[in-house]
């Protein structure tokens, strides 16, 4: 990769401000929990795995400068920080996986030294980031086998290096296939309203030397019917036990179009994205964002003032539309209720503990 999305710099977390891409690459310094929370909330860092890594370091930053030898007081302050970090965004499972991993460190710590506990928390955050890098590489290895030279692949939103601490999830498959000598081209849909496909995916692929064509979201069906797309691959923000997958808004309609045109539709995600506490995608909380993202697109009003705007950030693709789910453990195929069971049920309970179980989408005025 010709850039790094985020990195720990000894006493702060450095991350690329994705809201400024592709115009310029500016790196931010998160020095406390508030900085990390705001970066996640305002989508300066986005993509489920990257959000998870940022959250892990954010939790540590929240207690890094805490000056107390009272282990009970430390645990109390840590619990507040963990709950605060979990409130940044509701849909990405990886955020809660990260917070839970940090909570487990505190829960299992038997010592009395708060300084040693801080070191243990930092170690876990670093491990979480390194694990994400390894998961990305493994996903790439397994997924590359599903693609052949000459494929033209559509992706929606960004599931590349910008969405992770490594080489990406969906795009790691493409990078791995190309490294194996397969000539693969990409088509990126722009991904309205935040334009992750246009601003991020097109930029990332171009930076890494992958041929890419950008199209509007409304062009997907026409381009598929013209026979220009052989495969579709996307990432995921949360996957329920039955394989139902939450990803960026617009993914569901892409999956339906792929079914109609008999095009394989793949999801690539690490096991940290699975939430086995949810039986189906109907239980996945869907974030509804500020209507200004729709109303003020392209830095100018594009809709009548005062019109009602509905701006859900994600939708759920039913499992029956997914050809296969690519993970670090291999490729799972339907029925997902059985094939995904090997991942265990370690990803349960995060939403309940953080008080975010009810993220139902509601209409808001823009």
Foldseek 3Di string as FASTA:
>chain_A
DPDFAWDDDPQWIKGWQLLCFPVDTDIDTHRALVSLLVCLLVPRAAALARNLLSLLVRLLSHCVPPDDLALVVSLVSSLVSLLSQCPSFAFFLSNLLSSVQLVVLSVPDDDRGPVVSSVSSVVSSVVSQVVQQLFLLLLLVQLLVVDAAPAEEEEEADQASSNHRHGGWQVSVVVSNVVVVGQYAYEYEQQPDSRRRPRPVVSVCVVVVHHYHYDHLVCLLVCLVVVRHQAYEYEFRAAELQGKTKDFPSVQVSLVSCVVSVHAYEYTYELSRYADQHHFPVQRAWAWDDQCSVQCGPNHGPDDPFDWGTGTGIDIHGRVSHQWYGTSVHIFGPSSNPRVCVSPNPSYDSCVSSVNRHRHGDTDGD
